[in-house]
Amino acid sequence: MGNDRINRDNIAIILVEPKLPENIGAVARAMKNMDLGRLILVNPMNVDEDRIAKMATSHCMEIVRKMKVYNELESAVAPFQYIAGTTARSGSMRPALTTPRNFAMEIIPITRDNDVAILFGPEDRGLSNDHLRFCHTIATIPTSEFSSLNLAQAVMIICYEIFQANRDTSDVNIPRLANSFELEGMYDHLNDVLTEIGFLNPQNPERWMLNIRRFFSRIPLQAMEVRVIRGICRQIDWYVNQVLEKAKDGETPHSR
């Protein structure tokens, strides 16, 4: 790595449900251009290696041979401490929180001690809200009125900004963050407890939970902080059960 301040080995490009093998090859080529080597596919439609090789060329096939394939996104992102999604579509459920250039600058120090995943959606429709719920941040590539980009073009732009940002960045250190597996356990726990105390509507908890996810994603949580939040959830759950058991006697439970 020389004098580089980024750990490229800790950055992965994840293609969610890619449809064309040629696009997978073109993405591998874009990654090779920008010195990134971790490629992950989630539920790909076709991984015909001959068709992939037509676009990847022989120089990039090492990336293809080492790529990992998962059936669903949750398992693919489970080991990652920081996850970013890319989208061209806007809306209240999917705010564009950053640009590729700003995102690239932000992740440089994170990569030193954390694994970073960058998600790209299917060619025809992009990432869904369900995909984006795993993300700490969302990046939108600025374009003119015609915002549709080829998958490999989008990957190249993000990878290029990371490549450039690495040349000029501050010497900041980011500690080890909670990975997606730990965070999803916390969010499930929060969902159960907040529903139990009536904060969430059990008929439609997704919108409020998305707001909670966005809130915690502003400052990525460390593993210890996730354990603290889950401890609070356990105490709330214990207290509620004590209230229900003792309400008939008019008693108020005390904290353990």
Protein backbone atom coordinates (compact mmCIF):
# COMPACT_ATOMS: atom_id res chain seq x y z
CA MET A 1 0.00 0.00 0.00
CA GLY A 2 2.96 2.36 0.24
CA ASN A 3 1.92 5.62 1.86
CA ASP A 4 -1.78 4.97 1.30
CA ARG A 5 -4.03 5.76 4.24
CA ILE A 6 -6.87 3.55 3.10
CA ASN A 7 -7.14 -0.20 3.61
CA ARG A 8 -8.50 -1.31 0.25
CA ASP A 9 -8.71 -4.91 1.44
CA ASN A 10 -11.51 -3.82 3.79
CA ILE A 11 -13.74 -2.43 1.00
CA ALA A 12 -16.18 -4.68 -0.85
CA ILE A 13 -18.49 -3.99 -3.77
CA ILE A 14 -21.78 -5.87 -3.42
CA LEU A 15 -24.03 -6.35 -6.46
CA VAL A 16 -27.58 -7.15 -5.39
CA GLU A 17 -29.45 -9.39 -7.84
CA PRO A 18 -27.41 -8.54 -10.95
CA LYS A 19 -29.02 -9.81 -14.12
CA LEU A 20 -26.33 -9.86 -16.81
CA PRO A 21 -23.00 -11.70 -16.54
CA GLU A 22 -21.45 -9.05 -18.80
CA ASN A 23 -22.22 -6.39 -16.19
CA ILE A 24 -20.49 -8.45 -13.51
CA GLY A 25 -17.41 -8.60 -15.72
CA ALA A 26 -17.53 -4.87 -16.40
CA VAL A 27 -17.79 -4.17 -12.67
CA ALA A 28 -14.75 -6.38 -12.01
CA ARG A 29 -12.85 -4.39 -14.63
CA ALA A 30 -13.83 -1.06 -13.04
CA MET A 31 -12.73 -2.35 -9.64
CA LYS A 32 -9.37 -3.49 -11.03
CA ASN A 33 -8.82 -0.03 -12.54
CA MET A 34 -9.23 1.52 -9.09
CA ASP A 35 -7.30 -1.16 -7.15
CA LEU A 36 -10.26 -2.78 -5.35
CA GLY A 37 -10.52 -6.56 -5.22
CA ARG A 38 -13.48 -7.73 -3.09
CA LEU A 39 -16.60 -8.49 -5.14
CA ILE A 40 -19.75 -10.02 -3.66
CA LEU A 41 -22.92 -11.08 -5.50
CA VAL A 42 -26.33 -11.49 -3.91
CA ASN A 43 -28.80 -13.77 -5.68
CA PRO A 44 -27.38 -13.22 -9.19
CA MET A 45 -29.51 -14.30 -12.14
CA ASN A 46 -26.61 -15.69 -14.18
CA VAL A 47 -22.91 -16.18 -13.38
CA ASP A 48 -21.82 -17.63 -16.70
CA GLU A 49 -18.04 -17.27 -16.42
CA ASP A 50 -17.48 -17.15 -20.19
CA ARG A 51 -19.84 -14.19 -20.54
CA ILE A 52 -18.32 -12.52 -17.49
CA ALA A 53 -14.82 -12.97 -18.94
CA LYS A 54 -15.75 -11.15 -22.15
CA MET A 55 -16.02 -7.90 -20.19
CA ALA A 56 -13.63 -8.57 -17.33
CA THR A 57 -10.66 -9.53 -19.54
CA SER A 58 -7.93 -11.84 -18.29
CA HIS A 59 -6.37 -9.19 -16.04
CA CYS A 60 -9.54 -8.94 -13.92
CA MET A 61 -10.54 -12.59 -13.69
CA GLU A 62 -8.76 -13.00 -10.35
CA ILE A 63 -11.46 -10.75 -8.85
CA VAL A 64 -14.14 -12.92 -10.44
CA ARG A 65 -12.60 -16.17 -9.23
CA LYS A 66 -12.40 -14.86 -5.65
CA MET A 67 -15.88 -13.29 -5.56
CA LYS A 68 -18.39 -14.63 -3.04
CA VAL A 69 -22.03 -15.41 -3.82
CA TYR A 70 -24.88 -15.28 -1.28
CA ASN A 71 -28.56 -16.12 -1.58
CA GLU A 72 -29.77 -13.11 0.42
CA LEU A 73 -28.47 -9.70 1.44
CA GLU A 74 -28.65 -10.03 5.22
CA SER A 75 -26.06 -12.82 5.22
CA ALA A 76 -23.84 -10.98 2.74
CA VAL A 77 -23.61 -7.81 4.86
CA ALA A 78 -23.53 -9.52 8.28
CA PRO A 79 -19.71 -9.23 8.74
CA PHE A 80 -19.51 -5.56 7.67
CA GLN A 81 -19.25 -2.70 10.15
CA TYR A 82 -20.20 0.08 7.69
CA ILE A 83 -22.61 -0.25 4.77
CA ALA A 84 -23.47 2.27 2.07
CA GLY A 85 -26.19 2.04 -0.55
CA THR A 86 -26.33 3.77 -3.92
CA THR A 87 -29.55 4.99 -5.49
CA ALA A 88 -30.81 7.40 -8.13
CA ARG A 89 -34.34 7.43 -6.72
CA SER A 90 -35.38 9.89 -4.03
CA GLY A 91 -38.25 9.99 -1.53
CA SER A 92 -39.02 10.34 2.14
CA MET A 93 -38.04 6.72 2.73
CA ARG A 94 -34.70 7.07 0.93
CA PRO A 95 -33.04 10.45 1.40
CA ALA A 96 -29.81 11.10 -0.51
CA LEU A 97 -27.58 11.57 2.50
CA THR A 98 -24.28 12.10 0.71
CA THR A 99 -22.47 12.39 -2.60
CA PRO A 100 -19.86 9.93 -3.86
CA ARG A 101 -17.06 12.42 -3.18
CA ASN A 102 -18.11 13.14 0.39
CA PHE A 103 -18.77 9.45 1.02
CA ALA A 104 -15.30 8.54 -0.21
CA MET A 105 -13.68 11.01 2.17
CA GLU A 106 -15.76 9.76 5.10
CA ILE A 107 -14.88 6.08 4.72
CA ILE A 108 -11.11 6.45 4.41
CA PRO A 109 -10.44 6.37 8.18
CA ILE A 110 -13.24 3.84 8.75
CA THR A 111 -11.53 1.28 6.51
CA ARG A 112 -8.46 1.01 8.72
CA ASP A 113 -10.20 -1.11 11.36
CA ASN A 114 -13.59 -1.86 9.79
CA ASP A 115 -15.01 -3.66 6.78
CA VAL A 116 -16.99 -1.40 4.43
CA ALA A 117 -19.60 -2.66 1.94
CA ILE A 118 -20.98 -0.60 -0.95
CA LEU A 119 -24.27 -1.86 -2.37
CA PHE A 120 -25.48 -1.54 -5.97
CA GLY A 121 -28.95 -2.71 -6.97
CA PRO A 122 -30.39 -4.62 -9.94
CA GLU A 123 -29.88 -3.02 -13.34
CA ASP A 124 -33.59 -2.47 -13.98
CA ARG A 125 -34.79 -1.04 -10.66
CA GLY A 126 -31.91 -0.39 -8.26
CA LEU A 127 -31.94 -1.02 -4.52
CA SER A 128 -35.30 -1.37 -2.78
CA ASN A 129 -36.22 0.19 0.57
CA ASP A 130 -35.77 -3.25 2.10
CA HIS A 131 -32.20 -3.38 0.80
CA LEU A 132 -31.43 0.14 2.00
CA ARG A 133 -32.53 -0.56 5.59
CA PHE A 134 -29.14 -2.19 6.20
CA CYS A 135 -27.26 0.96 5.17
CA HIS A 136 -25.57 3.53 7.38
CA THR A 137 -25.60 6.05 4.55
CA ILE A 138 -26.96 6.44 1.02
CA ALA A 139 -25.09 8.02 -1.87
CA THR A 140 -26.61 9.48 -5.03
CA ILE A 141 -24.46 10.18 -8.07
CA PRO A 142 -25.24 13.68 -9.40
CA THR A 143 -26.42 13.66 -13.03
CA SER A 144 -28.45 15.80 -15.39
CA GLU A 145 -32.18 15.14 -15.85
CA PHE A 146 -31.39 11.70 -17.26
CA SER A 147 -30.19 9.89 -14.13
CA SER A 148 -29.97 6.30 -15.38
CA LEU A 149 -26.43 4.91 -15.26
CA ASN A 150 -25.08 1.57 -16.40
CA LEU A 151 -24.19 -0.61 -13.41
CA ALA A 152 -20.47 -0.62 -14.19
CA GLN A 153 -20.51 3.16 -14.74
CA ALA A 154 -21.99 3.69 -11.29
CA VAL A 155 -19.43 1.36 -9.70
CA MET A 156 -16.59 3.11 -11.53
CA ILE A 157 -17.66 6.56 -10.28
CA ILE A 158 -17.78 5.43 -6.66
CA CYS A 159 -14.49 3.54 -6.92
CA TYR A 160 -12.81 6.50 -8.64
CA GLU A 161 -13.84 8.87 -5.85
CA ILE A 162 -12.42 6.44 -3.27
CA PHE A 163 -9.20 6.19 -5.28
CA GLN A 164 -8.88 9.99 -5.45
CA ALA A 165 -9.89 10.63 -1.84
CA ASN A 166 -7.17 8.30 -0.64
CA ARG A 167 -4.55 10.72 -1.95
CA ASP A 168 -5.63 13.58 0.29
CA THR A 169 -7.24 12.75 3.60
CA SER A 170 -6.77 13.64 7.25
CA ASP A 171 -5.13 11.24 9.67
CA VAL A 172 -8.28 10.30 11.61
CA ASN A 173 -8.76 6.98 13.36
CA ILE A 174 -12.17 5.26 13.60
CA PRO A 175 -12.44 2.40 16.15
CA ARG A 176 -13.93 -1.00 15.41
CA LEU A 177 -17.67 -0.61 14.82
CA ALA A 178 -20.55 -3.03 15.37
CA ASN A 179 -21.12 -5.22 12.33
CA SER A 180 -24.45 -5.69 10.58
CA PHE A 181 -25.18 -8.97 12.37
CA GLU A 182 -24.86 -7.22 15.75
CA LEU A 183 -26.90 -4.23 14.59
CA GLU A 184 -29.72 -6.34 13.18
CA GLY A 185 -29.98 -8.18 16.50
CA MET A 186 -30.23 -4.81 18.25
CA TYR A 187 -32.90 -3.53 15.84
CA ASP A 188 -34.96 -6.70 16.27
CA HIS A 189 -34.68 -6.31 20.04
CA LEU A 190 -35.71 -2.64 19.86
CA ASN A 191 -38.63 -3.50 17.60
CA ASP A 192 -39.94 -6.09 20.09
CA VAL A 193 -39.53 -3.86 23.15
CA LEU A 194 -40.90 -0.69 21.56
CA THR A 195 -43.92 -2.62 20.30
CA GLU A 196 -44.42 -4.12 23.77
CA ILE A 197 -44.53 -0.69 25.46
CA GLY A 198 -46.82 0.76 22.77
CA PHE A 199 -44.29 3.08 21.11
CA LEU A 200 -44.59 1.26 17.79
CA ASN A 201 -47.84 0.40 16.06
CA PRO A 202 -47.67 -3.39 15.60
CA GLN A 203 -49.64 -3.03 12.37
CA ASN A 204 -47.02 -0.75 10.76
CA PRO A 205 -43.74 -0.57 12.67
CA GLU A 206 -41.50 -0.30 9.60
CA ARG A 207 -41.66 3.46 9.11
CA TRP A 208 -40.74 4.31 12.71
CA MET A 209 -38.06 1.64 12.76
CA LEU A 210 -36.56 3.18 9.61
CA ASN A 211 -36.37 6.52 11.44
CA ILE A 212 -34.66 4.79 14.37
CA ARG A 213 -32.18 3.15 11.99
CA ARG A 214 -31.40 6.52 10.40
CA PHE A 215 -30.92 8.05 13.87
CA PHE A 216 -28.38 5.44 14.98
CA SER A 217 -26.62 5.53 11.60
CA ARG A 218 -25.64 9.18 11.99
CA ILE A 219 -22.86 8.12 14.34
CA PRO A 220 -22.06 4.45 13.69
CA LEU A 221 -22.25 2.40 16.87
CA GLN A 222 -19.42 0.40 18.39
CA ALA A 223 -20.07 -3.17 19.51
CA MET A 224 -19.99 -2.16 23.19
CA GLU A 225 -22.63 0.51 22.57
CA VAL A 226 -24.88 -2.05 20.89
CA ARG A 227 -24.55 -4.26 23.98
CA VAL A 228 -25.51 -1.29 26.20
CA ILE A 229 -28.65 -0.61 24.13
CA ARG A 230 -29.64 -4.28 24.24
CA GLY A 231 -29.09 -4.24 28.01
CA ILE A 232 -31.51 -1.30 28.27
CA CYS A 233 -34.01 -3.27 26.18
CA ARG A 234 -33.70 -6.26 28.50
CA GLN A 235 -34.28 -4.02 31.54
CA ILE A 236 -37.38 -2.46 29.93
CA ASP A 237 -38.69 -5.91 29.06
CA TRP A 238 -38.09 -7.11 32.65
CA TYR A 239 -39.79 -4.02 34.10
CA VAL A 240 -42.86 -4.38 31.87
CA ASN A 241 -43.23 -8.02 32.89
CA GLN A 242 -42.94 -7.04 36.56
CA VAL A 243 -45.61 -4.36 36.14
CA LEU A 244 -47.98 -6.83 34.52
CA GLU A 245 -47.40 -9.40 37.27
CA LYS A 246 -47.80 -6.96 40.17
CA ALA A 247 -50.45 -4.59 38.82
CA LYS A 248 -53.22 -6.60 40.41
CA ASP A 249 -51.59 -6.08 43.83
CA GLY A 250 -51.06 -2.36 43.28
CA GLU A 251 -47.29 -2.74 43.66
CA THR A 252 -44.52 -0.95 41.72
CA PRO A 253 -41.45 -3.03 40.88
CA HIS A 254 -37.98 -1.69 41.69
CA SER A 255 -35.01 -1.85 39.37
CA ARG A 256 -32.76 -4.87 39.74
